[in-house]
Amino acid sequence: MDSFVKFLPILINVLLIVVLIIAIILGIKLIITMNKIDKIVDDVNKKVESLNGVFSVINAVSNKVNFIYERLVDIIGSILDKILTKKKERSEEEDE
């Protein structure tokens, strides 16, 4: 029993050292993994920034096409309004 009491603290110390070494190894692997993730995130950010330029160009073109379309609709609407107004005036003149 006396040898067991002497052996137990040594065993606990050895196990604690093993656990500490495993924790250090896992910490180093975690740091390496975080660095890889950081590089991937930076790469994705660069690609997103390049796409932002493309989307801004698409947005500008879309706005200009929309403006032209609205002007075209306004012009066609005013022409139709003039035609209908003239027909209405003619029908009123004929009724009188």
Protein backbone atom coordinates (compact mmCIF):
# COMPACT_ATOMS: atom_id res chain seq x y z
CA MET A 1 0.00 0.00 0.00
CA ASP A 2 2.88 2.29 0.78
CA SER A 3 4.29 1.84 -2.72
CA PHE A 4 0.88 2.62 -4.21
CA VAL A 5 0.76 5.97 -2.37
CA LYS A 6 4.22 6.84 -3.76
CA PHE A 7 3.37 5.62 -7.27
CA LEU A 8 0.00 7.45 -7.57
CA PRO A 9 1.39 11.05 -7.58
CA ILE A 10 4.00 10.03 -10.17
CA LEU A 11 1.28 8.49 -12.36
CA ILE A 12 -0.90 11.60 -12.03
CA ASN A 13 2.05 13.85 -12.94
CA VAL A 14 2.86 11.73 -16.01
CA LEU A 15 -0.77 11.81 -17.14
CA LEU A 16 -0.93 15.59 -16.63
CA ILE A 17 2.22 16.00 -18.73
CA VAL A 18 0.68 13.86 -21.47
CA VAL A 19 -2.54 15.90 -21.37
CA LEU A 20 -0.50 19.14 -21.48
CA ILE A 21 1.47 17.91 -24.51
CA ILE A 22 -1.75 16.90 -26.28
CA ALA A 23 -3.27 20.32 -25.52
CA ILE A 24 -0.17 22.07 -26.93
CA ILE A 25 -0.31 19.96 -30.10
CA LEU A 26 -4.03 20.65 -30.54
CA GLY A 27 -3.39 24.38 -29.96
CA ILE A 28 -0.71 24.44 -32.66
CA LYS A 29 -2.99 22.60 -35.09
CA LEU A 30 -5.78 25.04 -34.26
CA ILE A 31 -3.51 28.00 -35.01
CA ILE A 32 -2.47 26.45 -38.35
CA THR A 33 -6.12 25.81 -39.23
CA MET A 34 -7.10 29.37 -38.30
CA ASN A 35 -4.34 30.74 -40.56
CA LYS A 36 -5.64 28.63 -43.46
CA ILE A 37 -9.20 29.83 -42.79
CA ASP A 38 -7.96 33.43 -42.70
CA LYS A 39 -6.32 33.00 -46.13
CA ILE A 40 -9.52 31.50 -47.54
CA VAL A 41 -11.63 34.34 -46.14
CA ASP A 42 -9.24 36.92 -47.63
CA ASP A 43 -9.46 35.20 -51.01
CA VAL A 44 -13.26 35.15 -50.86
CA ASN A 45 -13.30 38.85 -49.92
CA LYS A 46 -11.13 39.70 -52.95
CA LYS A 47 -13.46 37.76 -55.23
CA VAL A 48 -16.54 39.42 -53.75
CA GLU A 49 -14.97 42.86 -54.22
CA SER A 50 -14.31 42.09 -57.87
CA LEU A 51 -17.92 40.96 -58.25
CA ASN A 52 -19.13 44.17 -56.62
CA GLY A 53 -17.61 46.07 -59.54
CA VAL A 54 -19.40 43.86 -62.03
CA PHE A 55 -22.70 44.23 -60.20
CA SER A 56 -22.34 48.01 -60.05
CA VAL A 57 -21.86 48.08 -63.84
CA ILE A 58 -24.90 45.83 -64.30
CA ASN A 59 -26.89 48.08 -61.97
CA ALA A 60 -25.88 51.22 -63.91
CA VAL A 61 -26.83 49.62 -67.25
CA SER A 62 -30.11 48.42 -65.79
CA ASN A 63 -30.92 51.91 -64.53
CA LYS A 64 -30.21 53.46 -67.94
CA VAL A 65 -32.30 50.86 -69.76
CA ASN A 66 -35.12 51.45 -67.28
CA PHE A 67 -34.88 55.22 -67.83
CA ILE A 68 -35.03 54.76 -71.63
CA TYR A 69 -37.97 52.37 -71.28
CA GLU A 70 -39.86 54.84 -69.07
CA ARG A 71 -39.24 57.67 -71.55
CA LEU A 72 -40.44 55.46 -74.41
CA VAL A 73 -43.60 54.55 -72.51
CA ASP A 74 -44.22 58.23 -71.72
CA ILE A 75 -43.80 59.20 -75.38
CA ILE A 76 -46.09 56.42 -76.60
CA GLY A 77 -48.62 57.29 -73.90
CA SER A 78 -48.64 60.97 -74.86
CA ILE A 79 -49.04 60.10 -78.56
CA LEU A 80 -51.97 57.81 -77.77
CA ASP A 81 -53.46 60.47 -75.53
CA LYS A 82 -53.26 63.02 -78.35
CA ILE A 83 -54.85 60.59 -80.82
CA LEU A 84 -57.68 59.73 -78.43
CA THR A 85 -58.22 63.38 -77.58
CA LYS A 86 -58.51 64.27 -81.28
CA LYS A 87 -60.98 61.43 -81.88
CA LYS A 88 -63.01 62.53 -78.87
CA GLU A 89 -63.09 66.13 -80.12
CA ARG A 90 -64.14 64.96 -83.60
CA SER A 91 -66.94 62.81 -82.18
CA GLU A 92 -68.15 65.76 -80.06
CA GLU A 93 -68.12 68.02 -83.12
CA GLU A 94 -70.13 65.48 -85.10
CA ASP A 95 -72.65 65.17 -82.28
CA GLU A 96 -73.26 68.93 -82.29
